[in-house]
Amino acid sequence: MILENVDLMFHTVLWGIIIGILISAPLGPIGVLVIQRTLNNGRNAGILTGFGAAVSDLIYALISGLGLSFIVDFITSNGSSLQIVGSIIILIFGIYLWRKNPVKDLDPNQSSKSSYFKYFITGMILTLSNPMIIFFYLALFARTNFLLFAHNASDYCIGYLSIAAGALSWWVFITWIMNKVRAHFKLRSLFLVNKIIAIVMIIVSIVGFIYGIKQLI
């Protein structure tokens, strides 16, 4: 009985970590923002942005796993409108990055506390702007039988904490790589990266906006 419980717990933890990584790994708007901030402002900025995203991911995981059907139904029935709103938020971030001066970001006299809070909150908001991620969670939960064997509150807590651990480990890994590459970037290179990432976010937002409008028509 004990060995069976250990096996079930291992299954939950393993798949929780894998789900957390799979949710975070696609290079969407939050991914490029983490890369941009790591290159421009250092690893702490990238990690805090990723941590904000991980909190939003955990919120959506809880909604998916706990069967909050009224929220899922709302997202399903208003998917197009939510996609338009999310695209506008991404567009705002893209324009903000385009106008941002990476050289100024390297100023050591900036207020660290306010900047760190900004990194975390913007990462969280940008991820929350994509509620359709819930359906990705539902698909992964069904495919992996995640939490199928959960019997009590502690089992659920361990499962969701495993998802958060997987998401956080991904952002730690990505920011570690980008921080290593960062040493080889000159100021002009940082400026170009800033512009390219801004363009990517703007294009993603425009495509999402057009798609959302078409779905409403």
N, C-alpha and C. Protein backbone atom coordinates (compact mmCIF):
# COMPACT_ATOMS: atom_id res chain seq x y z
N MET A 1 0.83 -1.21 0.00
CA MET A 1 0.00 0.00 0.00
C MET A 1 0.86 1.26 0.00
N ILE A 2 1.92 1.24 0.82
CA ILE A 2 2.82 2.39 0.90
C ILE A 2 3.53 2.59 -0.43
N LEU A 3 4.00 1.47 -1.01
CA LEU A 3 4.70 1.55 -2.31
C LEU A 3 3.77 2.07 -3.40
N GLU A 4 2.51 1.65 -3.33
CA GLU A 4 1.53 2.12 -4.33
C GLU A 4 1.33 3.62 -4.21
N ASN A 5 1.23 4.11 -2.97
CA ASN A 5 1.05 5.54 -2.76
C ASN A 5 2.26 6.34 -3.23
N VAL A 6 3.46 5.75 -3.01
CA VAL A 6 4.69 6.41 -3.47
C VAL A 6 4.70 6.50 -4.98
N ASP A 7 4.30 5.41 -5.65
CA ASP A 7 4.25 5.39 -7.12
C ASP A 7 3.27 6.43 -7.65
N LEU A 8 2.11 6.52 -7.02
CA LEU A 8 1.10 7.49 -7.45
C LEU A 8 1.59 8.92 -7.23
N MET A 9 2.28 9.14 -6.11
CA MET A 9 2.81 10.47 -5.82
C MET A 9 3.91 10.84 -6.82
N PHE A 10 4.75 9.85 -7.14
CA PHE A 10 5.81 10.08 -8.13
C PHE A 10 5.20 10.43 -9.48
N HIS A 11 4.13 9.71 -9.85
CA HIS A 11 3.42 10.00 -11.11
C HIS A 11 2.92 11.44 -11.13
N THR A 12 2.31 11.85 -10.01
CA THR A 12 1.75 13.20 -9.93
C THR A 12 2.83 14.27 -10.02
N VAL A 13 3.91 14.08 -9.27
CA VAL A 13 5.00 15.06 -9.25
C VAL A 13 5.68 15.14 -10.62
N LEU A 14 5.97 13.97 -11.20
CA LEU A 14 6.66 13.93 -12.49
C LEU A 14 5.84 14.62 -13.57
N TRP A 15 4.57 14.25 -13.67
CA TRP A 15 3.74 14.84 -14.71
C TRP A 15 3.41 16.30 -14.43
N GLY A 16 3.36 16.66 -13.15
CA GLY A 16 3.16 18.06 -12.81
C GLY A 16 4.30 18.92 -13.31
N ILE A 17 5.53 18.44 -13.10
CA ILE A 17 6.71 19.17 -13.57
C ILE A 17 6.72 19.26 -15.09
N ILE A 18 6.40 18.13 -15.74
CA ILE A 18 6.39 18.10 -17.21
C ILE A 18 5.33 19.05 -17.76
N ILE A 19 4.13 19.05 -17.16
CA ILE A 19 3.06 19.95 -17.60
C ILE A 19 3.48 21.41 -17.42
N GLY A 20 4.12 21.72 -16.29
CA GLY A 20 4.59 23.08 -16.06
C GLY A 20 5.57 23.54 -17.11
N ILE A 21 6.45 22.63 -17.53
CA ILE A 21 7.44 22.95 -18.57
C ILE A 21 6.75 23.12 -19.92
N LEU A 22 5.83 22.20 -20.25
CA LEU A 22 5.14 22.26 -21.54
C LEU A 22 4.30 23.52 -21.68
N ILE A 23 3.72 23.97 -20.58
CA ILE A 23 2.91 25.20 -20.62
C ILE A 23 3.80 26.42 -20.85
N SER A 24 4.99 26.40 -20.25
CA SER A 24 5.88 27.57 -20.30
C SER A 24 6.77 27.61 -21.54
N ALA A 25 7.10 26.43 -22.09
CA ALA A 25 8.13 26.34 -23.13
C ALA A 25 7.82 27.05 -24.45
N PRO A 26 6.58 27.01 -24.96
CA PRO A 26 6.33 27.67 -26.25
C PRO A 26 6.76 29.14 -26.22
N LEU A 27 7.45 29.57 -27.27
CA LEU A 27 8.01 30.92 -27.29
C LEU A 27 6.94 31.93 -27.71
N GLY A 28 6.00 32.17 -26.80
CA GLY A 28 4.97 33.17 -27.03
C GLY A 28 5.42 34.53 -26.54
N PRO A 29 4.48 35.47 -26.41
CA PRO A 29 4.84 36.83 -25.96
C PRO A 29 5.59 36.86 -24.63
N ILE A 30 5.17 36.03 -23.67
CA ILE A 30 5.84 36.05 -22.37
C ILE A 30 7.27 35.51 -22.50
N GLY A 31 7.46 34.53 -23.38
CA GLY A 31 8.80 33.98 -23.59
C GLY A 31 9.76 35.01 -24.15
N VAL A 32 9.32 35.75 -25.16
CA VAL A 32 10.20 36.75 -25.76
C VAL A 32 10.43 37.91 -24.79
N LEU A 33 9.44 38.19 -23.93
CA LEU A 33 9.62 39.26 -22.94
C LEU A 33 10.67 38.85 -21.90
N VAL A 34 10.63 37.60 -21.47
CA VAL A 34 11.64 37.11 -20.53
C VAL A 34 13.03 37.19 -21.14
N ILE A 35 13.16 36.80 -22.40
CA ILE A 35 14.45 36.87 -23.10
C ILE A 35 14.93 38.31 -23.20
N GLN A 36 14.01 39.21 -23.60
CA GLN A 36 14.37 40.62 -23.75
C GLN A 36 14.85 41.22 -22.44
N ARG A 37 14.14 40.93 -21.38
CA ARG A 37 14.50 41.51 -20.08
C ARG A 37 15.80 40.92 -19.53
N THR A 38 16.02 39.64 -19.80
CA THR A 38 17.28 39.04 -19.35
C THR A 38 18.47 39.66 -20.07
N LEU A 39 18.32 39.86 -21.38
CA LEU A 39 19.40 40.46 -22.16
C LEU A 39 19.63 41.92 -21.78
N ASN A 40 18.55 42.65 -21.55
CA ASN A 40 18.67 44.09 -21.27
C ASN A 40 19.00 44.40 -19.82
N ASN A 41 18.34 43.67 -18.90
CA ASN A 41 18.41 44.05 -17.49
C ASN A 41 19.08 43.01 -16.59
N GLY A 42 19.40 41.87 -17.14
CA GLY A 42 20.05 40.85 -16.32
C GLY A 42 19.11 39.72 -15.95
N ARG A 43 19.68 38.70 -15.33
CA ARG A 43 18.93 37.48 -15.06
C ARG A 43 17.79 37.68 -14.07
N ASN A 44 18.00 38.51 -13.05
CA ASN A 44 16.95 38.72 -12.05
C ASN A 44 15.67 39.26 -12.69
N ALA A 45 15.84 40.17 -13.64
CA ALA A 45 14.68 40.75 -14.33
C ALA A 45 13.92 39.67 -15.10
N GLY A 46 14.67 38.81 -15.79
CA GLY A 46 14.04 37.73 -16.55
C GLY A 46 13.35 36.72 -15.65
N ILE A 47 14.02 36.34 -14.56
CA ILE A 47 13.44 35.35 -13.65
C ILE A 47 12.16 35.89 -13.01
N LEU A 48 12.16 37.14 -12.56
CA LEU A 48 10.98 37.70 -11.93
C LEU A 48 9.81 37.81 -12.90
N THR A 49 10.11 38.12 -14.17
CA THR A 49 9.07 38.12 -15.20
C THR A 49 8.50 36.73 -15.37
N GLY A 50 9.41 35.73 -15.43
CA GLY A 50 8.97 34.34 -15.54
C GLY A 50 8.19 33.87 -14.33
N PHE A 51 8.59 34.33 -13.14
CA PHE A 51 7.88 33.96 -11.93
C PHE A 51 6.45 34.53 -11.94
N GLY A 52 6.31 35.76 -12.45
CA GLY A 52 4.97 36.33 -12.58
C GLY A 52 4.11 35.50 -13.51
N ALA A 53 4.72 35.03 -14.61
CA ALA A 53 4.01 34.16 -15.56
C ALA A 53 3.63 32.85 -14.89
N ALA A 54 4.53 32.31 -14.07
CA ALA A 54 4.27 31.04 -13.40
C ALA A 54 3.09 31.14 -12.43
N VAL A 55 2.94 32.29 -11.77
CA VAL A 55 1.80 32.50 -10.87
C VAL A 55 0.50 32.46 -11.67
N SER A 56 0.49 33.13 -12.83
CA SER A 56 -0.71 33.10 -13.68
C SER A 56 -0.98 31.70 -14.19
N ASP A 57 0.08 30.99 -14.57
CA ASP A 57 -0.08 29.60 -15.02
C ASP A 57 -0.71 28.75 -13.91
N LEU A 58 -0.27 28.97 -12.68
CA LEU A 58 -0.81 28.21 -11.55
C LEU A 58 -2.29 28.52 -11.34
N ILE A 59 -2.66 29.79 -11.52
CA ILE A 59 -4.07 30.18 -11.39
C ILE A 59 -4.92 29.44 -12.42
N TYR A 60 -4.44 29.41 -13.66
CA TYR A 60 -5.19 28.72 -14.72
C TYR A 60 -5.19 27.21 -14.49
N ALA A 61 -4.12 26.67 -13.93
CA ALA A 61 -4.08 25.24 -13.62
C ALA A 61 -5.13 24.90 -12.56
N LEU A 62 -5.26 25.76 -11.56
CA LEU A 62 -6.26 25.55 -10.51
C LEU A 62 -7.67 25.60 -11.08
N ILE A 63 -7.91 26.56 -11.97
CA ILE A 63 -9.23 26.68 -12.60
C ILE A 63 -9.54 25.42 -13.39
N SER A 64 -8.55 24.92 -14.12
CA SER A 64 -8.73 23.74 -14.96
C SER A 64 -8.91 22.48 -14.12
N GLY A 65 -8.03 22.30 -13.15
CA GLY A 65 -8.03 21.07 -12.37
C GLY A 65 -9.16 20.97 -11.37
N LEU A 66 -9.61 22.08 -10.82
CA LEU A 66 -10.67 22.06 -9.82
C LEU A 66 -12.06 22.08 -10.44
N GLY A 67 -12.09 22.10 -11.77
CA GLY A 67 -13.38 22.00 -12.45
C GLY A 67 -14.28 23.19 -12.26
N LEU A 68 -13.69 24.39 -12.31
CA LEU A 68 -14.51 25.60 -12.18
C LEU A 68 -15.20 25.86 -13.51
N SER A 69 -16.24 25.08 -13.75
CA SER A 69 -16.88 25.06 -15.07
C SER A 69 -17.47 26.40 -15.46
N PHE A 70 -17.92 27.20 -14.48
CA PHE A 70 -18.53 28.48 -14.84
C PHE A 70 -17.50 29.43 -15.46
N ILE A 71 -16.23 29.31 -15.03
CA ILE A 71 -15.17 30.13 -15.63
C ILE A 71 -14.81 29.60 -17.01
N VAL A 72 -14.70 28.26 -17.11
CA VAL A 72 -14.39 27.66 -18.41
C VAL A 72 -15.49 27.97 -19.41
N ASP A 73 -16.76 27.89 -18.96
CA ASP A 73 -17.89 28.20 -19.85
C ASP A 73 -17.85 29.65 -20.30
N PHE A 74 -17.49 30.54 -19.39
CA PHE A 74 -17.40 31.97 -19.74
C PHE A 74 -16.32 32.19 -20.79
N ILE A 75 -15.17 31.54 -20.60
CA ILE A 75 -14.07 31.69 -21.56
C ILE A 75 -14.45 31.10 -22.90
N THR A 76 -15.15 29.95 -22.88
CA THR A 76 -15.57 29.30 -24.12
C THR A 76 -16.54 30.19 -24.89
N SER A 77 -17.51 30.76 -24.19
CA SER A 77 -18.53 31.57 -24.87
C SER A 77 -18.03 32.96 -25.26
N ASN A 78 -16.94 33.39 -24.64
CA ASN A 78 -16.41 34.73 -24.94
C ASN A 78 -14.97 34.67 -25.45
N GLY A 79 -14.63 33.53 -26.04
CA GLY A 79 -13.25 33.31 -26.48
C GLY A 79 -12.74 34.37 -27.44
N SER A 80 -13.56 34.74 -28.41
CA SER A 80 -13.13 35.72 -29.40
C SER A 80 -12.89 37.09 -28.78
N SER A 81 -13.82 37.50 -27.91
CA SER A 81 -13.67 38.80 -27.25
C SER A 81 -12.44 38.83 -26.35
N LEU A 82 -12.21 37.73 -25.63
CA LEU A 82 -11.05 37.65 -24.75
C LEU A 82 -9.75 37.65 -25.55
N GLN A 83 -9.79 37.02 -26.73
CA GLN A 83 -8.60 37.02 -27.58
C GLN A 83 -8.29 38.43 -28.08
N ILE A 84 -9.32 39.19 -28.39
CA ILE A 84 -9.13 40.57 -28.84
C ILE A 84 -8.52 41.40 -27.72
N VAL A 85 -9.07 41.25 -26.51
CA VAL A 85 -8.55 41.99 -25.35
C VAL A 85 -7.09 41.59 -25.09
N GLY A 86 -6.82 40.29 -25.12
CA GLY A 86 -5.46 39.82 -24.91
C GLY A 86 -4.50 40.35 -25.97
N SER A 87 -4.97 40.42 -27.21
CA SER A 87 -4.13 40.93 -28.30
C SER A 87 -3.81 42.41 -28.10
N ILE A 88 -4.78 43.15 -27.60
CA ILE A 88 -4.54 44.58 -27.33
C ILE A 88 -3.50 44.75 -26.23
N ILE A 89 -3.58 43.91 -25.20
CA ILE A 89 -2.59 43.97 -24.11
C ILE A 89 -1.19 43.66 -24.65
N ILE A 90 -1.10 42.63 -25.50
CA ILE A 90 0.19 42.27 -26.09
C ILE A 90 0.71 43.39 -26.99
N LEU A 91 -0.20 44.03 -27.73
CA LEU A 91 0.18 45.15 -28.58
C LEU A 91 0.77 46.29 -27.74
N ILE A 92 0.14 46.56 -26.60
CA ILE A 92 0.64 47.63 -25.72
C ILE A 92 2.05 47.30 -25.24
N PHE A 93 2.28 46.03 -24.88
CA PHE A 93 3.61 45.62 -24.46
C PHE A 93 4.61 45.76 -25.61
N GLY A 94 4.17 45.39 -26.83
CA GLY A 94 5.06 45.49 -27.98
C GLY A 94 5.46 46.93 -28.28
N ILE A 95 4.49 47.84 -28.25
CA ILE A 95 4.78 49.26 -28.48
C ILE A 95 5.68 49.81 -27.37
N TYR A 96 5.42 49.35 -26.15
CA TYR A 96 6.25 49.79 -25.01
C TYR A 96 7.70 49.36 -25.22
N LEU A 97 7.90 48.12 -25.66
CA LEU A 97 9.26 47.62 -25.91
C LEU A 97 9.92 48.36 -27.06
N TRP A 98 9.15 48.68 -28.10
CA TRP A 98 9.69 49.39 -29.25
C TRP A 98 10.23 50.76 -28.86
N ARG A 99 9.53 51.42 -27.95
CA ARG A 99 9.94 52.76 -27.53
C ARG A 99 10.98 52.73 -26.42
N LYS A 100 11.21 51.56 -25.86
CA LYS A 100 12.12 51.42 -24.73
C LYS A 100 13.56 51.55 -25.20
N ASN A 101 14.36 52.25 -24.42
CA ASN A 101 15.79 52.40 -24.72
C ASN A 101 16.58 51.44 -23.83
N PRO A 102 17.14 50.36 -24.42
CA PRO A 102 17.86 49.37 -23.60
C PRO A 102 19.09 49.94 -22.91
N VAL A 103 19.68 50.99 -23.49
CA VAL A 103 20.85 51.61 -22.85
C VAL A 103 20.44 52.26 -21.54
N LYS A 104 19.27 52.91 -21.55
CA LYS A 104 18.76 53.53 -20.32
C LYS A 104 18.42 52.48 -19.28
N ASP A 105 17.97 51.31 -19.74
CA ASP A 105 17.64 50.23 -18.80
C ASP A 105 18.84 49.74 -18.03
N LEU A 106 20.04 49.96 -18.59
CA LEU A 106 21.25 49.49 -17.94
C LEU A 106 21.73 50.45 -16.86
N ASP A 107 21.00 51.53 -16.66
CA ASP A 107 21.37 52.53 -15.64
C ASP A 107 21.30 51.92 -14.25
N PRO A 108 22.42 51.82 -13.54
CA PRO A 108 22.41 51.18 -12.22
C PRO A 108 21.69 51.98 -11.15
N ASN A 109 21.33 53.25 -11.45
CA ASN A 109 20.69 54.10 -10.45
C ASN A 109 19.17 53.92 -10.39
N GLN A 110 18.64 53.01 -11.24
CA GLN A 110 17.21 52.78 -11.22
C GLN A 110 16.79 52.16 -9.88
N SER A 111 15.54 52.39 -9.48
CA SER A 111 15.03 51.81 -8.24
C SER A 111 14.79 50.33 -8.42
N SER A 112 15.60 49.51 -7.75
CA SER A 112 15.53 48.06 -7.91
C SER A 112 14.19 47.49 -7.45
N LYS A 113 13.69 47.97 -6.29
CA LYS A 113 12.46 47.40 -5.76
C LYS A 113 11.28 47.63 -6.68
N SER A 114 11.14 48.87 -7.17
CA SER A 114 10.02 49.16 -8.06
C SER A 114 10.17 48.42 -9.38
N SER A 115 11.40 48.28 -9.86
CA SER A 115 11.64 47.57 -11.12
C SER A 115 11.32 46.09 -10.96
N TYR A 116 11.74 45.50 -9.85
CA TYR A 116 11.48 44.08 -9.63
C TYR A 116 9.98 43.81 -9.54
N PHE A 117 9.26 44.69 -8.87
CA PHE A 117 7.81 44.54 -8.78
C PHE A 117 7.18 44.67 -10.16
N LYS A 118 7.67 45.60 -10.96
CA LYS A 118 7.16 45.80 -12.32
C LYS A 118 7.40 44.56 -13.16
N TYR A 119 8.58 43.97 -13.06
CA TYR A 119 8.88 42.76 -13.83
C TYR A 119 7.90 41.65 -13.50
N PHE A 120 7.67 41.45 -12.20
CA PHE A 120 6.79 40.37 -11.76
C PHE A 120 5.35 40.61 -12.22
N ILE A 121 4.85 41.82 -12.00
CA ILE A 121 3.45 42.13 -12.32
C ILE A 121 3.20 42.07 -13.82
N THR A 122 4.12 42.61 -14.63
CA THR A 122 3.90 42.60 -16.08
C THR A 122 3.95 41.17 -16.62
N GLY A 123 4.83 40.34 -16.06
CA GLY A 123 4.86 38.94 -16.47
C GLY A 123 3.56 38.24 -16.14
N MET A 124 3.01 38.56 -15.00
CA MET A 124 1.74 37.97 -14.56
C MET A 124 0.58 38.44 -15.44
N ILE A 125 0.53 39.75 -15.71
CA ILE A 125 -0.56 40.31 -16.52
C ILE A 125 -0.53 39.77 -17.94
N LEU A 126 0.66 39.71 -18.52
CA LEU A 126 0.78 39.26 -19.91
C LEU A 126 0.31 37.82 -20.04
N THR A 127 0.62 36.98 -19.06
CA THR A 127 0.18 35.59 -19.10
C THR A 127 -1.32 35.48 -18.85
N LEU A 128 -1.84 36.28 -17.94
CA LEU A 128 -3.29 36.28 -17.68
C LEU A 128 -4.09 36.74 -18.89
N SER A 129 -3.45 37.47 -19.79
CA SER A 129 -4.16 37.97 -20.97
C SER A 129 -4.47 36.87 -21.98
N ASN A 130 -4.02 35.64 -21.68
CA ASN A 130 -4.27 34.52 -22.58
C ASN A 130 -5.01 33.40 -21.84
N PRO A 131 -6.31 33.60 -21.53
CA PRO A 131 -7.06 32.59 -20.78
C PRO A 131 -7.29 31.29 -21.54
N MET A 132 -7.06 31.32 -22.85
CA MET A 132 -7.26 30.11 -23.65
C MET A 132 -6.28 29.00 -23.24
N ILE A 133 -5.30 29.35 -22.43
CA ILE A 133 -4.34 28.37 -21.94
C ILE A 133 -5.04 27.31 -21.10
N ILE A 134 -6.21 27.64 -20.59
CA ILE A 134 -6.99 26.68 -19.80
C ILE A 134 -7.25 25.41 -20.60
N PHE A 135 -7.52 25.56 -21.89
CA PHE A 135 -7.84 24.40 -22.72
C PHE A 135 -6.61 23.54 -22.97
N PHE A 136 -5.44 24.16 -22.97
CA PHE A 136 -4.19 23.42 -23.05
C PHE A 136 -4.02 22.58 -21.79
N TYR A 137 -4.33 23.18 -20.64
CA TYR A 137 -4.27 22.45 -19.37
C TYR A 137 -5.24 21.27 -19.38
N LEU A 138 -6.47 21.51 -19.80
CA LEU A 138 -7.46 20.44 -19.82
C LEU A 138 -7.01 19.27 -20.68
N ALA A 139 -6.40 19.59 -21.83
CA ALA A 139 -5.91 18.54 -22.73
C ALA A 139 -4.77 17.76 -22.08
N LEU A 140 -3.85 18.47 -21.44
CA LEU A 140 -2.72 17.81 -20.79
C LEU A 140 -3.16 16.98 -19.59
N PHE A 141 -4.09 17.51 -18.82
CA PHE A 141 -4.60 16.76 -17.66
C PHE A 141 -5.25 15.45 -18.12
N ALA A 142 -6.03 15.53 -19.19
CA ALA A 142 -6.70 14.34 -19.70
C ALA A 142 -5.70 13.34 -20.28
N ARG A 143 -4.72 13.87 -20.98
CA ARG A 143 -3.73 12.98 -21.65
C ARG A 143 -2.84 12.26 -20.65
N THR A 144 -2.51 12.90 -19.55
CA THR A 144 -1.56 12.33 -18.59
C THR A 144 -2.22 11.72 -17.36
N ASN A 145 -3.57 11.77 -17.30
CA ASN A 145 -4.29 11.31 -16.10
C ASN A 145 -3.80 12.03 -14.84
N PHE A 146 -3.44 13.27 -15.02
CA PHE A 146 -2.91 14.06 -13.91
C PHE A 146 -3.98 14.25 -12.83
N LEU A 147 -3.61 14.00 -11.59
CA LEU A 147 -4.48 14.13 -10.42
C LEU A 147 -5.63 13.13 -10.42
N LEU A 148 -5.57 12.13 -11.30
CA LEU A 148 -6.63 11.12 -11.34
C LEU A 148 -6.67 10.34 -10.02
N PHE A 149 -5.49 10.18 -9.42
CA PHE A 149 -5.39 9.38 -8.20
C PHE A 149 -5.31 10.25 -6.94
N ALA A 150 -5.58 11.54 -7.07
CA ALA A 150 -5.55 12.42 -5.89
C ALA A 150 -6.76 12.13 -5.01
N HIS A 151 -6.51 11.96 -3.72
CA HIS A 151 -7.59 11.60 -2.80
C HIS A 151 -7.85 12.64 -1.71
N ASN A 152 -6.90 13.52 -1.49
CA ASN A 152 -7.09 14.50 -0.42
C ASN A 152 -6.42 15.81 -0.80
N ALA A 153 -6.55 16.80 0.08
CA ALA A 153 -6.03 18.14 -0.21
C ALA A 153 -4.53 18.16 -0.42
N SER A 154 -3.80 17.33 0.34
CA SER A 154 -2.34 17.32 0.20
C SER A 154 -1.92 16.81 -1.17
N ASP A 155 -2.65 15.81 -1.70
CA ASP A 155 -2.34 15.30 -3.05
C ASP A 155 -2.50 16.40 -4.09
N TYR A 156 -3.57 17.16 -3.98
CA TYR A 156 -3.80 18.26 -4.92
C TYR A 156 -2.75 19.35 -4.78
N CYS A 157 -2.39 19.67 -3.55
CA CYS A 157 -1.37 20.70 -3.31
C CYS A 157 -0.05 20.30 -3.93
N ILE A 158 0.34 19.04 -3.72
CA ILE A 158 1.60 18.55 -4.28
C ILE A 158 1.55 18.60 -5.81
N GLY A 159 0.41 18.23 -6.38
CA GLY A 159 0.27 18.25 -7.84
C GLY A 159 0.42 19.64 -8.42
N TYR A 160 -0.28 20.61 -7.85
CA TYR A 160 -0.22 21.98 -8.37
C TYR A 160 1.13 22.63 -8.09
N LEU A 161 1.72 22.31 -6.96
CA LEU A 161 3.06 22.83 -6.67
C LEU A 161 4.09 22.25 -7.65
N SER A 162 3.85 21.03 -8.10
CA SER A 162 4.75 20.42 -9.10
C SER A 162 4.66 21.16 -10.43
N ILE A 163 3.45 21.58 -10.80
CA ILE A 163 3.29 22.38 -12.03
C ILE A 163 4.05 23.68 -11.90
N ALA A 164 3.91 24.33 -10.75
CA ALA A 164 4.62 25.59 -10.52
C ALA A 164 6.13 25.37 -10.57
N ALA A 165 6.59 24.26 -9.99
CA ALA A 165 8.03 23.95 -10.00
C ALA A 165 8.53 23.73 -11.42
N GLY A 166 7.72 23.06 -12.24
CA GLY A 166 8.11 22.84 -13.64
C GLY A 166 8.21 24.15 -14.40
N ALA A 167 7.21 25.03 -14.21
CA ALA A 167 7.23 26.34 -14.88
C ALA A 167 8.42 27.17 -14.43
N LEU A 168 8.66 27.20 -13.12
CA LEU A 168 9.77 27.99 -12.59
C LEU A 168 11.12 27.46 -13.07
N SER A 169 11.25 26.14 -13.12
CA SER A 169 12.52 25.55 -13.57
C SER A 169 12.80 25.91 -15.02
N TRP A 170 11.74 26.00 -15.83
CA TRP A 170 11.93 26.39 -17.23
C TRP A 170 12.47 27.82 -17.33
N TRP A 171 11.88 28.73 -16.56
CA TRP A 171 12.32 30.12 -16.62
C TRP A 171 13.72 30.30 -16.06
N VAL A 172 14.04 29.53 -15.03
CA VAL A 172 15.41 29.57 -14.49
C VAL A 172 16.41 29.10 -15.54
N PHE A 173 16.05 28.04 -16.26
CA PHE A 173 16.92 27.49 -17.31
C PHE A 173 17.11 28.48 -18.45
N ILE A 174 16.00 29.06 -18.94
CA ILE A 174 16.07 30.00 -20.06
C ILE A 174 16.87 31.24 -19.69
N THR A 175 16.60 31.79 -18.51
CA THR A 175 17.32 33.01 -18.12
C THR A 175 18.81 32.73 -17.88
N TRP A 176 19.13 31.52 -17.44
CA TRP A 176 20.54 31.14 -17.27
C TRP A 176 21.26 31.15 -18.61
N ILE A 177 20.61 30.56 -19.64
CA ILE A 177 21.21 30.54 -20.98
C ILE A 177 21.35 31.95 -21.53
N MET A 178 20.28 32.74 -21.44
CA MET A 178 20.30 34.09 -21.97
C MET A 178 21.32 34.97 -21.25
N ASN A 179 21.50 34.74 -19.97
CA ASN A 179 22.47 35.52 -19.21
C ASN A 179 23.90 35.21 -19.66
N LYS A 180 24.13 33.95 -20.04
CA LYS A 180 25.45 33.56 -20.56
C LYS A 180 25.72 34.24 -21.90
N VAL A 181 24.67 34.28 -22.74
CA VAL A 181 24.80 34.89 -24.07
C VAL A 181 24.93 36.40 -23.94
N ARG A 182 24.32 36.96 -22.92
CA ARG A 182 24.26 38.40 -22.74
C ARG A 182 25.64 39.04 -22.71
N ALA A 183 26.61 38.33 -22.20
CA ALA A 183 27.97 38.88 -22.10
C ALA A 183 28.58 39.20 -23.46
N HIS A 184 28.06 38.55 -24.51
CA HIS A 184 28.60 38.75 -25.86
C HIS A 184 27.85 39.82 -26.65
N PHE A 185 26.83 40.40 -26.02
CA PHE A 185 26.03 41.41 -26.71
C PHE A 185 26.58 42.81 -26.42
N LYS A 186 26.73 43.59 -27.48
CA LYS A 186 27.09 44.99 -27.34
C LYS A 186 25.80 45.82 -27.25
N LEU A 187 25.93 47.08 -26.93
CA LEU A 187 24.75 47.93 -26.77
C LEU A 187 23.93 47.99 -28.05
N ARG A 188 24.60 48.05 -29.19
CA ARG A 188 23.86 48.08 -30.46
C ARG A 188 23.09 46.77 -30.67
N SER A 189 23.68 45.65 -30.27
CA SER A 189 23.02 44.35 -30.39
C SER A 189 21.78 44.31 -29.50
N LEU A 190 21.89 44.83 -28.28
CA LEU A 190 20.75 44.88 -27.38
C LEU A 190 19.62 45.73 -27.97
N PHE A 191 20.00 46.84 -28.61
CA PHE A 191 19.02 47.72 -29.23
C PHE A 191 18.27 46.98 -30.33
N LEU A 192 19.00 46.23 -31.17
CA LEU A 192 18.38 45.48 -32.26
C LEU A 192 17.49 44.37 -31.73
N VAL A 193 17.94 43.67 -30.70
CA VAL A 193 17.14 42.60 -30.10
C VAL A 193 15.84 43.18 -29.55
N ASN A 194 15.93 44.33 -28.92
CA ASN A 194 14.76 45.01 -28.38
C ASN A 194 13.73 45.28 -29.48
N LYS A 195 14.21 45.79 -30.61
CA LYS A 195 13.32 46.13 -31.72
C LYS A 195 12.71 44.87 -32.33
N ILE A 196 13.53 43.83 -32.50
CA ILE A 196 13.04 42.58 -33.11
C ILE A 196 11.96 41.95 -32.25
N ILE A 197 12.20 41.86 -30.95
CA ILE A 197 11.23 41.27 -30.04
C ILE A 197 9.95 42.10 -29.99
N ALA A 198 10.10 43.42 -30.04
CA ALA A 198 8.92 44.30 -30.08
C ALA A 198 8.10 44.03 -31.33
N ILE A 199 8.77 43.87 -32.46
CA ILE A 199 8.08 43.60 -33.73
C ILE A 199 7.34 42.26 -33.66
N VAL A 200 8.00 41.24 -33.08
CA VAL A 200 7.38 39.92 -32.94
C VAL A 200 6.10 40.03 -32.12
N MET A 201 6.16 40.76 -31.01
CA MET A 201 4.98 40.90 -30.15
C MET A 201 3.87 41.67 -30.86
N ILE A 202 4.24 42.68 -31.60
CA ILE A 202 3.23 43.47 -32.33
C ILE A 202 2.56 42.62 -33.41
N ILE A 203 3.35 41.82 -34.13
CA ILE A 203 2.79 40.95 -35.17
C ILE A 203 1.86 39.92 -34.55
N VAL A 204 2.30 39.30 -33.44
CA VAL A 204 1.45 38.31 -32.75
C VAL A 204 0.13 38.95 -32.32
N SER A 205 0.19 40.16 -31.82
CA SER A 205 -1.02 40.83 -31.35
C SER A 205 -1.96 41.15 -32.51
N ILE A 206 -1.40 41.59 -33.63
CA ILE A 206 -2.22 41.93 -34.80
C ILE A 206 -2.90 40.69 -35.36
N VAL A 207 -2.15 39.59 -35.46
CA VAL A 207 -2.72 38.32 -35.95
C VAL A 207 -3.84 37.86 -35.03
N GLY A 208 -3.59 37.90 -33.72
CA GLY A 208 -4.61 37.50 -32.76
C GLY A 208 -5.84 38.38 -32.81
N PHE A 209 -5.63 39.68 -32.99
CA PHE A 209 -6.74 40.63 -33.06
C PHE A 209 -7.60 40.35 -34.29
N ILE A 210 -6.94 40.16 -35.44
CA ILE A 210 -7.69 39.89 -36.69
C ILE A 210 -8.46 38.57 -36.58
N TYR A 211 -7.82 37.56 -36.01
CA TYR A 211 -8.48 36.27 -35.85
C TYR A 211 -9.70 36.39 -34.94
N GLY A 212 -9.54 37.16 -33.84
CA GLY A 212 -10.64 37.35 -32.92
C GLY A 212 -11.80 38.09 -33.57
N ILE A 213 -11.51 39.11 -34.39
CA ILE A 213 -12.55 39.87 -35.10
C ILE A 213 -13.29 38.95 -36.08
N LYS A 214 -12.55 38.12 -36.81
CA LYS A 214 -13.16 37.20 -37.77
C LYS A 214 -14.10 36.23 -37.08
N GLN A 215 -13.72 35.80 -35.88
CA GLN A 215 -14.57 34.86 -35.15
C GLN A 215 -15.87 35.53 -34.69
N LEU A 216 -15.81 36.83 -34.42
CA LEU A 216 -17.01 37.54 -33.97
C LEU A 216 -17.97 37.83 -35.12
N ILE A 217 -17.40 38.02 -36.31
CA ILE A 217 -18.24 38.37 -37.47
C ILE A 217 -19.06 37.16 -37.95
